[in-house]
């Protein structure tokens, strides 16, 4: 359904992106923010899903700043390489890339973001710093930034079995951002990723329904 495109960033650099468009008129645009594994088949599938739901979806290839065509496996080597790449890239540059991606699909209408794992934190920062309504899935790096004032609504999804985000970290989201929706599920980290043992179909389906309702409210109806 989608296609690979080039994206000019705010630093006047060119990175790749995966673009998926709906069959009919777009209800808005969604920047899909990857996990630490790059814009791989799973992330492209996620973008295609939002396109099927009526949105123009774009997934920037953040790692192109460092190395082109990164698609890592869900193994020890992939985790280690992915963590090293996101550390080198930094969150500030990632947020800049989200701004560039949002501008690239601005003709679609109101723009929001959705992010997973590392991307969940980038999505939250996009709401706080760019004013883009965002959905954050299991962002383990969120807590240091919870004191920033949001410029747009954020919805949070967490797994109750996620050892990287214990209950006290989830509670900090509720305490420091009481105006935002925080949902938990009887699942592990990466429960939305439909490859691997961490996938939880029921939790993923419910979170997706809530995510679509969020975008319907803040993008489609807000246009």
N, C-alpha and C. Protein backbone atom coordinates (compact mmCIF):
# COMPACT_ATOMS: atom_id res chain seq x y z
N UNK A 1 0.82 -1.19 0.00
CA UNK A 1 0.00 0.00 0.00
C UNK A 1 0.86 1.26 0.00
N UNK A 2 1.91 1.28 0.83
CA UNK A 2 2.72 2.48 0.98
C UNK A 2 3.87 2.54 0.01
N UNK A 3 4.67 3.61 0.17
CA UNK A 3 5.83 3.80 -0.68
C UNK A 3 6.95 4.45 0.11
N UNK A 4 8.18 4.22 -0.31
CA UNK A 4 9.32 4.85 0.30
C UNK A 4 9.56 6.20 -0.37
N UNK A 5 9.76 7.23 0.44
CA UNK A 5 9.99 8.58 -0.08
C UNK A 5 11.21 9.18 0.61
N UNK A 6 11.65 10.33 0.12
CA UNK A 6 12.71 11.08 0.78
C UNK A 6 12.08 12.23 1.55
N UNK A 7 12.65 12.53 2.71
CA UNK A 7 12.12 13.56 3.60
C UNK A 7 13.23 14.54 3.94
N UNK A 8 13.01 15.81 3.63
CA UNK A 8 13.97 16.85 3.99
C UNK A 8 13.70 17.28 5.42
N UNK A 9 14.74 17.26 6.25
CA UNK A 9 14.59 17.58 7.66
C UNK A 9 14.88 19.05 7.91
N UNK A 10 14.61 19.47 9.15
CA UNK A 10 14.83 20.86 9.52
C UNK A 10 16.30 21.23 9.48
N UNK A 11 17.18 20.25 9.52
CA UNK A 11 18.62 20.51 9.44
C UNK A 11 19.12 20.45 7.99
N UNK A 12 18.17 20.47 7.06
CA UNK A 12 18.48 20.45 5.64
C UNK A 12 19.22 19.17 5.24
N UNK A 13 18.90 18.08 5.95
CA UNK A 13 19.40 16.77 5.58
C UNK A 13 18.25 15.97 4.99
N UNK A 14 18.56 14.94 4.26
CA UNK A 14 17.54 14.11 3.63
C UNK A 14 17.58 12.71 4.26
N UNK A 15 16.44 12.28 4.76
CA UNK A 15 16.31 10.92 5.27
C UNK A 15 15.15 10.26 4.56
N UNK A 16 15.09 8.96 4.66
CA UNK A 16 13.99 8.24 4.04
C UNK A 16 12.75 8.24 4.93
N UNK A 17 11.63 7.86 4.37
CA UNK A 17 10.39 7.71 5.11
C UNK A 17 9.47 6.77 4.35
N UNK A 18 8.60 6.11 5.09
CA UNK A 18 7.59 5.25 4.48
C UNK A 18 6.26 5.98 4.55
N UNK A 19 5.62 6.17 3.40
CA UNK A 19 4.37 6.92 3.31
C UNK A 19 3.24 6.02 2.88
N UNK A 20 2.16 6.03 3.65
CA UNK A 20 0.96 5.24 3.31
C UNK A 20 -0.24 6.17 3.28
N UNK A 21 -1.00 6.11 2.19
CA UNK A 21 -2.15 7.01 2.02
C UNK A 21 -3.46 6.23 2.00
N UNK A 22 -4.53 6.84 2.49
CA UNK A 22 -5.84 6.17 2.45
C UNK A 22 -6.40 6.13 1.04
N UNK A 23 -7.37 5.27 0.85
CA UNK A 23 -7.98 5.15 -0.47
C UNK A 23 -8.80 6.38 -0.83
N UNK A 24 -9.44 6.99 0.16
CA UNK A 24 -10.26 8.16 -0.10
C UNK A 24 -9.68 9.41 0.52
N UNK A 25 -10.54 10.36 0.84
CA UNK A 25 -10.10 11.61 1.46
C UNK A 25 -9.51 11.33 2.83
N UNK A 26 -8.39 11.96 3.11
CA UNK A 26 -7.71 11.74 4.37
C UNK A 26 -8.44 12.41 5.54
N UNK A 27 -8.52 11.70 6.67
CA UNK A 27 -9.13 12.23 7.89
C UNK A 27 -8.13 13.03 8.72
N UNK A 28 -6.87 13.04 8.28
CA UNK A 28 -5.79 13.69 9.01
C UNK A 28 -4.50 12.95 8.72
N UNK A 29 -3.44 13.36 9.40
CA UNK A 29 -2.15 12.73 9.19
C UNK A 29 -1.57 12.22 10.49
N UNK A 30 -0.84 11.11 10.42
CA UNK A 30 -0.22 10.51 11.59
C UNK A 30 1.25 10.21 11.30
N UNK A 31 2.13 10.74 12.14
CA UNK A 31 3.54 10.39 12.07
C UNK A 31 3.74 9.15 12.94
N UNK A 32 4.15 8.05 12.33
CA UNK A 32 4.37 6.78 13.03
C UNK A 32 5.84 6.72 13.44
N UNK A 33 6.09 6.62 14.74
CA UNK A 33 7.44 6.70 15.28
C UNK A 33 7.90 5.32 15.74
N UNK A 34 8.94 4.85 15.14
CA UNK A 34 9.45 3.49 15.28
C UNK A 34 9.91 3.14 16.69
N UNK A 35 10.10 1.84 16.90
CA UNK A 35 10.83 1.34 18.06
C UNK A 35 12.33 1.53 17.77
N UNK A 36 13.19 0.84 18.50
CA UNK A 36 14.63 0.98 18.28
C UNK A 36 15.11 0.15 17.10
N UNK A 37 14.20 -0.51 16.39
CA UNK A 37 14.61 -1.46 15.35
C UNK A 37 14.56 -0.89 13.93
N UNK A 38 14.23 0.38 13.80
CA UNK A 38 14.17 1.00 12.48
C UNK A 38 12.79 0.90 11.86
N UNK A 39 12.67 1.44 10.66
CA UNK A 39 11.40 1.34 9.92
C UNK A 39 11.41 -0.01 9.20
N UNK A 40 10.99 -1.02 9.93
CA UNK A 40 11.02 -2.38 9.40
C UNK A 40 9.63 -2.81 8.93
N UNK A 41 9.49 -4.07 8.62
CA UNK A 41 8.22 -4.56 8.08
C UNK A 41 7.07 -4.30 9.05
N UNK A 42 7.33 -4.47 10.34
CA UNK A 42 6.27 -4.25 11.33
C UNK A 42 5.81 -2.79 11.34
N UNK A 43 6.73 -1.85 11.34
CA UNK A 43 6.37 -0.44 11.36
C UNK A 43 5.65 -0.05 10.06
N UNK A 44 6.09 -0.59 8.96
CA UNK A 44 5.38 -0.33 7.69
C UNK A 44 3.96 -0.87 7.76
N UNK A 45 3.80 -2.02 8.39
CA UNK A 45 2.46 -2.61 8.55
C UNK A 45 1.59 -1.71 9.43
N UNK A 46 2.18 -1.14 10.50
CA UNK A 46 1.45 -0.22 11.37
C UNK A 46 0.98 0.99 10.58
N UNK A 47 1.87 1.56 9.76
CA UNK A 47 1.51 2.72 8.95
C UNK A 47 0.40 2.37 7.96
N UNK A 48 0.50 1.21 7.35
CA UNK A 48 -0.55 0.76 6.43
C UNK A 48 -1.90 0.65 7.14
N UNK A 49 -1.86 0.18 8.40
CA UNK A 49 -3.10 0.04 9.15
C UNK A 49 -3.79 1.38 9.38
N UNK A 50 -3.01 2.40 9.70
CA UNK A 50 -3.60 3.73 9.89
C UNK A 50 -4.12 4.29 8.57
N UNK A 51 -3.45 3.97 7.48
CA UNK A 51 -3.94 4.40 6.17
C UNK A 51 -5.28 3.73 5.86
N UNK A 52 -5.40 2.46 6.20
CA UNK A 52 -6.67 1.76 5.99
C UNK A 52 -7.77 2.35 6.86
N UNK A 53 -7.38 2.95 7.98
CA UNK A 53 -8.36 3.59 8.87
C UNK A 53 -8.71 5.00 8.42
N UNK A 54 -8.08 5.46 7.33
CA UNK A 54 -8.46 6.74 6.75
C UNK A 54 -7.46 7.87 6.92
N UNK A 55 -6.27 7.57 7.45
CA UNK A 55 -5.29 8.61 7.70
C UNK A 55 -4.09 8.48 6.77
N UNK A 56 -3.47 9.62 6.47
CA UNK A 56 -2.18 9.61 5.78
C UNK A 56 -1.11 9.36 6.84
N UNK A 57 -0.34 8.29 6.68
CA UNK A 57 0.64 7.90 7.70
C UNK A 57 2.05 7.97 7.12
N UNK A 58 2.97 8.52 7.90
CA UNK A 58 4.35 8.61 7.47
C UNK A 58 5.25 8.13 8.60
N UNK A 59 6.20 7.28 8.27
CA UNK A 59 7.14 6.74 9.26
C UNK A 59 8.55 7.16 8.87
N UNK A 60 9.10 8.20 9.51
CA UNK A 60 10.44 8.67 9.16
C UNK A 60 11.52 7.65 9.55
N UNK A 61 12.53 7.53 8.71
CA UNK A 61 13.66 6.64 9.00
C UNK A 61 14.72 7.42 9.76
N UNK A 62 14.52 7.59 11.05
CA UNK A 62 15.39 8.41 11.88
C UNK A 62 16.86 8.00 11.78
N UNK A 63 17.09 6.70 11.69
CA UNK A 63 18.47 6.22 11.71
C UNK A 63 19.25 6.57 10.45
N UNK A 64 18.57 7.06 9.41
CA UNK A 64 19.27 7.44 8.19
C UNK A 64 20.29 8.55 8.45
N UNK A 65 20.13 9.29 9.54
CA UNK A 65 21.14 10.27 9.91
C UNK A 65 22.48 9.60 10.18
N UNK A 66 22.41 8.34 10.61
CA UNK A 66 23.61 7.64 11.05
C UNK A 66 24.00 6.51 10.11
N UNK A 67 22.99 5.84 9.56
CA UNK A 67 23.22 4.66 8.72
C UNK A 67 21.95 4.38 7.93
N UNK A 68 22.04 4.21 6.66
CA UNK A 68 20.85 4.06 5.83
C UNK A 68 20.31 2.64 5.86
N UNK A 69 18.99 2.56 5.73
CA UNK A 69 18.33 1.27 5.58
C UNK A 69 18.37 0.36 6.78
N UNK A 70 18.34 0.91 7.98
CA UNK A 70 18.44 0.08 9.19
C UNK A 70 17.13 -0.64 9.45
N UNK A 71 17.18 -1.97 9.48
CA UNK A 71 16.06 -2.81 9.87
C UNK A 71 16.63 -3.93 10.73
N UNK A 72 16.47 -3.82 12.03
CA UNK A 72 17.11 -4.73 12.96
C UNK A 72 16.19 -5.86 13.38
N UNK A 73 16.80 -6.97 13.74
CA UNK A 73 16.04 -8.12 14.20
C UNK A 73 15.71 -8.01 15.67
N UNK A 74 14.74 -8.79 16.12
CA UNK A 74 14.31 -8.78 17.52
C UNK A 74 15.12 -9.82 18.30
N UNK A 75 16.42 -9.61 18.33
CA UNK A 75 17.32 -10.51 19.04
C UNK A 75 18.32 -9.68 19.83
N UNK A 76 19.21 -10.34 20.52
CA UNK A 76 20.17 -9.65 21.39
C UNK A 76 21.02 -8.65 20.60
N UNK A 77 21.46 -9.06 19.44
CA UNK A 77 22.27 -8.17 18.60
C UNK A 77 21.46 -6.96 18.14
N UNK A 78 20.20 -7.21 17.74
CA UNK A 78 19.35 -6.11 17.29
C UNK A 78 19.05 -5.12 18.40
N UNK A 79 18.79 -5.64 19.61
CA UNK A 79 18.53 -4.76 20.75
C UNK A 79 19.74 -3.88 21.04
N UNK A 80 20.91 -4.51 21.05
CA UNK A 80 22.13 -3.76 21.38
C UNK A 80 22.41 -2.68 20.34
N UNK A 81 22.28 -3.03 19.07
CA UNK A 81 22.53 -2.06 18.00
C UNK A 81 21.49 -0.94 18.03
N UNK A 82 20.23 -1.30 18.24
CA UNK A 82 19.18 -0.30 18.29
C UNK A 82 19.37 0.68 19.43
N UNK A 83 19.72 0.18 20.60
CA UNK A 83 19.95 1.06 21.74
C UNK A 83 21.11 2.01 21.48
N UNK A 84 22.15 1.50 20.84
CA UNK A 84 23.30 2.35 20.52
C UNK A 84 22.91 3.44 19.53
N UNK A 85 22.08 3.10 18.55
CA UNK A 85 21.68 4.08 17.54
C UNK A 85 20.79 5.17 18.13
N UNK A 86 19.82 4.81 18.97
CA UNK A 86 18.96 5.85 19.53
C UNK A 86 19.73 6.75 20.49
N UNK A 87 20.73 6.19 21.16
CA UNK A 87 21.56 7.00 22.04
C UNK A 87 22.36 8.01 21.23
N UNK A 88 22.93 7.55 20.13
CA UNK A 88 23.72 8.44 19.27
C UNK A 88 22.84 9.49 18.60
N UNK A 89 21.66 9.08 18.18
CA UNK A 89 20.75 10.00 17.50
C UNK A 89 20.27 11.11 18.43
N UNK A 90 19.81 10.73 19.61
CA UNK A 90 19.29 11.68 20.57
C UNK A 90 17.83 12.02 20.33
N UNK A 91 17.14 12.39 21.38
CA UNK A 91 15.71 12.68 21.30
C UNK A 91 15.42 14.02 20.62
N UNK A 92 16.29 15.00 20.80
CA UNK A 92 16.04 16.32 20.21
C UNK A 92 16.00 16.23 18.68
N UNK A 93 16.94 15.53 18.10
CA UNK A 93 16.95 15.40 16.64
C UNK A 93 15.74 14.61 16.17
N UNK A 94 15.34 13.61 16.93
CA UNK A 94 14.16 12.83 16.56
C UNK A 94 12.91 13.70 16.53
N UNK A 95 12.77 14.58 17.53
CA UNK A 95 11.61 15.47 17.56
C UNK A 95 11.64 16.41 16.36
N UNK A 96 12.83 16.88 15.98
CA UNK A 96 12.95 17.73 14.79
C UNK A 96 12.49 16.97 13.55
N UNK A 97 12.85 15.69 13.47
CA UNK A 97 12.43 14.89 12.31
C UNK A 97 10.92 14.70 12.29
N UNK A 98 10.32 14.56 13.46
CA UNK A 98 8.85 14.46 13.52
C UNK A 98 8.22 15.73 12.98
N UNK A 99 8.78 16.88 13.35
CA UNK A 99 8.26 18.15 12.83
C UNK A 99 8.36 18.20 11.31
N UNK A 100 9.46 17.72 10.77
CA UNK A 100 9.62 17.70 9.31
C UNK A 100 8.63 16.75 8.65
N UNK A 101 8.42 15.59 9.27
CA UNK A 101 7.47 14.62 8.72
C UNK A 101 6.05 15.17 8.77
N UNK A 102 5.71 15.85 9.87
CA UNK A 102 4.38 16.44 9.99
C UNK A 102 4.16 17.50 8.92
N UNK A 103 5.18 18.28 8.65
CA UNK A 103 5.08 19.31 7.61
C UNK A 103 4.90 18.66 6.24
N UNK A 104 5.58 17.55 6.02
CA UNK A 104 5.53 16.87 4.72
C UNK A 104 4.13 16.36 4.39
N UNK A 105 3.33 16.04 5.42
CA UNK A 105 1.97 15.53 5.17
C UNK A 105 0.91 16.53 5.65
N UNK A 106 1.27 17.79 5.75
CA UNK A 106 0.35 18.80 6.29
C UNK A 106 -0.92 18.95 5.46
N UNK A 107 -0.84 18.62 4.17
CA UNK A 107 -2.03 18.73 3.32
C UNK A 107 -3.11 17.73 3.70
N UNK A 108 -2.76 16.72 4.55
CA UNK A 108 -3.73 15.70 4.95
C UNK A 108 -4.73 16.22 5.97
N UNK A 109 -4.42 17.37 6.59
CA UNK A 109 -5.30 17.91 7.62
C UNK A 109 -4.55 18.06 8.92
N UNK A 110 -5.25 17.89 10.03
CA UNK A 110 -4.59 17.96 11.33
C UNK A 110 -3.65 16.77 11.50
N UNK A 111 -2.51 16.99 12.14
CA UNK A 111 -1.49 15.96 12.25
C UNK A 111 -1.29 15.55 13.71
N UNK A 112 -1.14 14.25 13.91
CA UNK A 112 -0.82 13.70 15.22
C UNK A 112 0.32 12.71 15.10
N UNK A 113 0.70 12.10 16.21
CA UNK A 113 1.76 11.10 16.17
C UNK A 113 1.38 9.89 17.01
N UNK A 114 2.00 8.77 16.70
CA UNK A 114 1.92 7.58 17.53
C UNK A 114 3.31 6.97 17.56
N UNK A 115 3.75 6.57 18.75
CA UNK A 115 5.09 6.02 18.86
C UNK A 115 5.13 4.83 19.81
N UNK A 116 6.13 3.97 19.60
CA UNK A 116 6.23 2.71 20.32
C UNK A 116 7.61 2.57 20.95
N UNK A 117 7.65 2.25 22.25
CA UNK A 117 8.90 2.07 22.98
C UNK A 117 9.71 3.37 22.94
N UNK A 118 10.89 3.38 22.36
CA UNK A 118 11.64 4.64 22.19
C UNK A 118 10.75 5.67 21.50
N UNK A 119 10.02 5.23 20.49
CA UNK A 119 9.12 6.13 19.78
C UNK A 119 7.98 6.63 20.64
N UNK A 120 7.64 5.89 21.69
CA UNK A 120 6.60 6.36 22.60
C UNK A 120 7.02 7.62 23.33
N UNK A 121 8.29 7.70 23.68
CA UNK A 121 8.80 8.91 24.32
C UNK A 121 8.88 10.05 23.31
N UNK A 122 9.31 9.76 22.10
CA UNK A 122 9.36 10.80 21.06
C UNK A 122 7.96 11.34 20.79
N UNK A 123 6.96 10.45 20.77
CA UNK A 123 5.58 10.88 20.56
C UNK A 123 5.12 11.81 21.67
N UNK A 124 5.42 11.46 22.92
CA UNK A 124 5.05 12.33 24.03
C UNK A 124 5.70 13.71 23.89
N UNK A 125 6.98 13.72 23.51
CA UNK A 125 7.69 14.99 23.33
C UNK A 125 7.11 15.79 22.16
N UNK A 126 6.58 15.10 21.16
CA UNK A 126 5.95 15.80 20.04
C UNK A 126 4.71 16.56 20.49
N UNK A 127 3.99 15.99 21.47
CA UNK A 127 2.83 16.70 22.03
C UNK A 127 3.29 17.88 22.87
N UNK A 128 4.34 17.69 23.63
CA UNK A 128 4.80 18.73 24.53
C UNK A 128 5.49 19.88 23.81
N UNK A 129 6.27 19.55 22.80
CA UNK A 129 7.12 20.56 22.17
C UNK A 129 6.60 21.04 20.82
N UNK A 130 5.84 20.19 20.13
CA UNK A 130 5.37 20.54 18.79
C UNK A 130 3.86 20.81 18.75
N UNK A 131 3.17 20.47 19.81
CA UNK A 131 1.73 20.68 19.84
C UNK A 131 0.95 19.70 18.99
N UNK A 132 1.47 18.48 18.82
CA UNK A 132 0.80 17.46 18.01
C UNK A 132 0.11 16.45 18.92
N UNK A 133 -1.20 16.26 18.80
CA UNK A 133 -1.88 15.22 19.58
C UNK A 133 -1.19 13.87 19.35
N UNK A 134 -0.85 13.18 20.44
CA UNK A 134 0.01 12.01 20.31
C UNK A 134 -0.43 10.85 21.19
N UNK A 135 -0.12 9.64 20.71
CA UNK A 135 -0.36 8.42 21.46
C UNK A 135 0.98 7.77 21.73
N UNK A 136 1.26 7.51 23.00
CA UNK A 136 2.55 6.96 23.42
C UNK A 136 2.35 5.54 23.95
N UNK A 137 2.96 4.58 23.27
CA UNK A 137 2.94 3.19 23.71
C UNK A 137 4.23 2.87 24.47
N UNK A 138 4.08 2.42 25.70
CA UNK A 138 5.16 1.92 26.57
C UNK A 138 6.51 2.64 26.38
N UNK A 139 6.47 3.96 26.61
CA UNK A 139 7.69 4.77 26.53
C UNK A 139 8.46 4.71 27.84
N UNK A 140 9.49 3.91 27.90
CA UNK A 140 10.26 3.73 29.13
C UNK A 140 11.13 4.93 29.46
N UNK A 141 11.30 5.84 28.50
CA UNK A 141 12.15 7.02 28.72
C UNK A 141 11.33 8.27 29.04
N UNK A 142 10.04 8.12 29.34
CA UNK A 142 9.15 9.26 29.52
C UNK A 142 9.40 10.08 30.77
N UNK A 143 9.68 9.41 31.87
CA UNK A 143 9.63 10.04 33.19
C UNK A 143 10.44 11.34 33.32
N UNK A 144 11.67 11.42 32.80
CA UNK A 144 12.43 12.66 32.97
C UNK A 144 11.77 13.88 32.33
N UNK A 145 10.80 13.65 31.45
CA UNK A 145 10.19 14.76 30.70
C UNK A 145 8.76 15.07 31.14
N UNK A 146 8.28 14.38 32.15
CA UNK A 146 6.88 14.55 32.55
C UNK A 146 6.61 15.94 33.11
N UNK A 147 7.64 16.65 33.51
CA UNK A 147 7.45 17.99 34.03
C UNK A 147 7.27 19.05 32.97
N UNK A 148 7.49 18.70 31.70
CA UNK A 148 7.28 19.66 30.62
C UNK A 148 5.78 19.87 30.41
N UNK A 149 5.43 21.07 30.03
CA UNK A 149 4.02 21.41 29.86
C UNK A 149 3.53 20.97 28.48
N UNK A 150 2.54 20.10 28.41
CA UNK A 150 2.03 19.64 27.12
C UNK A 150 1.32 20.75 26.36
N UNK A 151 1.55 20.80 25.07
CA UNK A 151 0.85 21.74 24.19
C UNK A 151 -0.26 21.04 23.42
N UNK A 152 -0.41 19.75 23.63
CA UNK A 152 -1.46 18.96 22.97
C UNK A 152 -1.73 17.73 23.84
N UNK A 153 -2.88 17.10 23.65
CA UNK A 153 -3.21 15.92 24.45
C UNK A 153 -2.33 14.71 24.11
N UNK A 154 -2.13 13.88 25.13
CA UNK A 154 -1.39 12.63 24.96
C UNK A 154 -2.21 11.49 25.56
N UNK A 155 -2.21 10.36 24.89
CA UNK A 155 -2.77 9.13 25.44
C UNK A 155 -1.63 8.15 25.66
N UNK A 156 -1.62 7.49 26.84
CA UNK A 156 -0.55 6.56 27.17
C UNK A 156 -1.08 5.13 27.28
N UNK A 157 -0.31 4.17 26.74
CA UNK A 157 -0.61 2.75 26.88
C UNK A 157 0.59 2.05 27.52
N UNK A 158 0.34 1.25 28.56
CA UNK A 158 1.41 0.51 29.24
C UNK A 158 0.98 -0.93 29.50
N UNK A 159 1.96 -1.81 29.53
CA UNK A 159 1.71 -3.20 29.90
C UNK A 159 1.98 -3.42 31.37
N UNK A 160 1.07 -4.08 32.07
CA UNK A 160 1.22 -4.29 33.50
C UNK A 160 2.33 -5.27 33.84
N UNK A 161 2.79 -6.06 32.86
CA UNK A 161 3.87 -7.02 33.07
C UNK A 161 5.22 -6.50 32.55
N UNK A 162 5.25 -5.23 32.19
CA UNK A 162 6.44 -4.61 31.62
C UNK A 162 7.43 -4.26 32.73
N UNK A 163 8.51 -5.01 32.85
CA UNK A 163 9.48 -4.79 33.92
C UNK A 163 10.27 -3.50 33.72
N UNK A 164 10.32 -3.00 32.49
CA UNK A 164 11.05 -1.76 32.23
C UNK A 164 10.25 -0.53 32.64
N UNK A 165 8.94 -0.70 32.86
CA UNK A 165 8.07 0.40 33.29
C UNK A 165 7.22 -0.11 34.45
N UNK A 166 7.76 -0.13 35.67
CA UNK A 166 7.02 -0.64 36.82
C UNK A 166 5.85 0.26 37.18
N UNK A 167 4.94 -0.22 38.02
CA UNK A 167 3.72 0.54 38.35
C UNK A 167 3.99 1.95 38.87
N UNK A 168 5.07 2.14 39.62
CA UNK A 168 5.33 3.48 40.15
C UNK A 168 5.67 4.47 39.04
N UNK A 169 6.27 3.99 37.94
CA UNK A 169 6.54 4.86 36.80
C UNK A 169 5.24 5.22 36.09
N UNK A 170 4.35 4.25 35.95
CA UNK A 170 3.05 4.52 35.34
C UNK A 170 2.29 5.53 36.18
N UNK A 171 2.34 5.37 37.50
CA UNK A 171 1.63 6.27 38.40
C UNK A 171 2.15 7.70 38.28
N UNK A 172 3.44 7.87 38.00
CA UNK A 172 3.99 9.22 37.83
C UNK A 172 3.33 9.94 36.66
N UNK A 173 2.96 9.19 35.61
CA UNK A 173 2.24 9.80 34.49
C UNK A 173 0.89 10.34 34.97
N UNK A 174 0.21 9.56 35.78
CA UNK A 174 -1.10 9.99 36.29
C UNK A 174 -0.96 11.18 37.24
N UNK A 175 0.08 11.14 38.06
CA UNK A 175 0.28 12.21 39.04
C UNK A 175 0.69 13.52 38.39
N UNK A 176 1.58 13.45 37.40
CA UNK A 176 2.15 14.66 36.82
C UNK A 176 1.39 15.16 35.60
N UNK A 177 0.61 14.26 34.98
CA UNK A 177 -0.20 14.65 33.83
C UNK A 177 -1.64 14.15 34.04
N UNK A 178 -2.30 14.65 35.08
CA UNK A 178 -3.63 14.13 35.43
C UNK A 178 -4.69 14.37 34.37
N UNK A 179 -4.43 15.31 33.45
CA UNK A 179 -5.41 15.62 32.41
C UNK A 179 -5.33 14.65 31.23
N UNK A 180 -4.33 13.76 31.24
CA UNK A 180 -4.13 12.84 30.12
C UNK A 180 -4.65 11.44 30.46
N UNK A 181 -5.04 10.70 29.43
CA UNK A 181 -5.53 9.34 29.60
C UNK A 181 -4.35 8.37 29.70
N UNK A 182 -4.35 7.56 30.74
CA UNK A 182 -3.30 6.55 30.95
C UNK A 182 -3.98 5.19 31.10
N UNK A 183 -3.70 4.27 30.19
CA UNK A 183 -4.31 2.95 30.21
C UNK A 183 -3.25 1.88 30.45
N UNK A 184 -3.61 0.86 31.21
CA UNK A 184 -2.73 -0.29 31.39
C UNK A 184 -3.44 -1.56 30.94
N UNK A 185 -2.65 -2.55 30.59
CA UNK A 185 -3.17 -3.80 30.01
C UNK A 185 -2.45 -4.99 30.64
N UNK A 186 -3.09 -6.14 30.71
CA UNK A 186 -2.46 -7.33 31.29
C UNK A 186 -1.47 -7.95 30.29
N UNK A 187 -0.43 -7.20 29.99
CA UNK A 187 0.50 -7.58 28.92
C UNK A 187 1.90 -7.09 29.24
N UNK A 188 2.85 -7.50 28.42
CA UNK A 188 4.25 -7.14 28.59
C UNK A 188 4.59 -5.94 27.73
N UNK A 189 5.85 -5.53 27.78
CA UNK A 189 6.35 -4.49 26.89
C UNK A 189 6.17 -4.96 25.45
N UNK A 190 5.97 -4.02 24.53
CA UNK A 190 5.84 -4.33 23.10
C UNK A 190 4.64 -5.21 22.80
N UNK A 191 3.57 -5.08 23.59
CA UNK A 191 2.40 -5.94 23.38
C UNK A 191 1.70 -5.66 22.06
N UNK A 192 1.97 -4.52 21.46
CA UNK A 192 1.32 -4.21 20.18
C UNK A 192 2.06 -4.81 18.99
N UNK A 193 3.31 -5.20 19.16
CA UNK A 193 4.10 -5.71 18.05
C UNK A 193 3.66 -7.13 17.71
N UNK A 194 3.03 -7.29 16.55
CA UNK A 194 2.42 -8.58 16.22
C UNK A 194 3.42 -9.59 15.66
N UNK A 195 4.64 -9.51 16.10
CA UNK A 195 5.65 -10.53 15.85
C UNK A 195 6.39 -10.75 17.17
N UNK A 196 6.65 -11.99 17.52
CA UNK A 196 7.34 -12.28 18.76
C UNK A 196 6.41 -12.63 19.89
N UNK A 197 6.99 -13.15 20.95
CA UNK A 197 6.22 -13.69 22.07
C UNK A 197 5.57 -12.63 22.94
N UNK A 198 5.98 -11.36 22.84
CA UNK A 198 5.40 -10.32 23.69
C UNK A 198 4.04 -9.83 23.19
N UNK A 199 3.70 -10.18 21.97
CA UNK A 199 2.43 -9.72 21.40
C UNK A 199 1.26 -10.25 22.21
N UNK A 200 0.32 -9.36 22.53
CA UNK A 200 -0.91 -9.73 23.22
C UNK A 200 -2.07 -9.20 22.39
N UNK A 201 -2.73 -10.09 21.70
CA UNK A 201 -3.75 -9.71 20.72
C UNK A 201 -4.89 -8.90 21.34
N UNK A 202 -5.40 -9.35 22.47
CA UNK A 202 -6.53 -8.66 23.09
C UNK A 202 -6.15 -7.26 23.54
N UNK A 203 -4.99 -7.14 24.17
CA UNK A 203 -4.53 -5.83 24.63
C UNK A 203 -4.24 -4.91 23.45
N UNK A 204 -3.60 -5.46 22.42
CA UNK A 204 -3.29 -4.66 21.24
C UNK A 204 -4.55 -4.15 20.57
N UNK A 205 -5.56 -5.00 20.48
CA UNK A 205 -6.81 -4.60 19.84
C UNK A 205 -7.50 -3.49 20.62
N UNK A 206 -7.57 -3.63 21.94
CA UNK A 206 -8.22 -2.61 22.77
C UNK A 206 -7.46 -1.29 22.71
N UNK A 207 -6.13 -1.36 22.78
CA UNK A 207 -5.32 -0.14 22.71
C UNK A 207 -5.49 0.54 21.35
N UNK A 208 -5.58 -0.26 20.30
CA UNK A 208 -5.75 0.30 18.95
C UNK A 208 -7.11 0.99 18.82
N UNK A 209 -8.15 0.37 19.38
CA UNK A 209 -9.48 0.99 19.33
C UNK A 209 -9.47 2.33 20.05
N UNK A 210 -8.79 2.39 21.19
CA UNK A 210 -8.69 3.64 21.94
C UNK A 210 -7.87 4.67 21.18
N UNK A 211 -6.83 4.19 20.52
CA UNK A 211 -5.98 5.08 19.73
C UNK A 211 -6.75 5.69 18.57
N UNK A 212 -7.52 4.87 17.87
CA UNK A 212 -8.33 5.38 16.77
C UNK A 212 -9.38 6.37 17.26
N UNK A 213 -9.96 6.11 18.41
CA UNK A 213 -10.94 7.04 18.98
C UNK A 213 -10.27 8.37 19.33
N UNK A 214 -9.05 8.32 19.83
CA UNK A 214 -8.28 9.52 20.15
C UNK A 214 -8.04 10.35 18.89
N UNK A 215 -7.60 9.68 17.83
CA UNK A 215 -7.34 10.42 16.59
C UNK A 215 -8.63 10.91 15.94
N UNK A 216 -9.69 10.16 16.06
CA UNK A 216 -10.98 10.61 15.53
C UNK A 216 -11.40 11.90 16.23
N UNK A 217 -11.17 11.98 17.52
CA UNK A 217 -11.55 13.17 18.29
C UNK A 217 -10.64 14.36 18.01
N UNK A 218 -9.33 14.12 18.00
CA UNK A 218 -8.37 15.23 17.95
C UNK A 218 -7.89 15.59 16.54
N UNK A 219 -8.06 14.68 15.60
CA UNK A 219 -7.64 14.97 14.22
C UNK A 219 -8.85 15.10 13.30
N UNK A 220 -9.60 14.01 13.16
CA UNK A 220 -10.70 14.01 12.19
C UNK A 220 -11.79 15.01 12.55
N UNK A 221 -12.27 14.98 13.79
CA UNK A 221 -13.34 15.89 14.19
C UNK A 221 -12.83 17.30 14.44
N UNK A 222 -11.53 17.40 14.71
CA UNK A 222 -10.96 18.72 14.99
C UNK A 222 -10.53 19.49 13.76
N UNK A 223 -10.69 18.85 12.59
CA UNK A 223 -10.26 19.51 11.35
C UNK A 223 -11.13 20.72 11.04
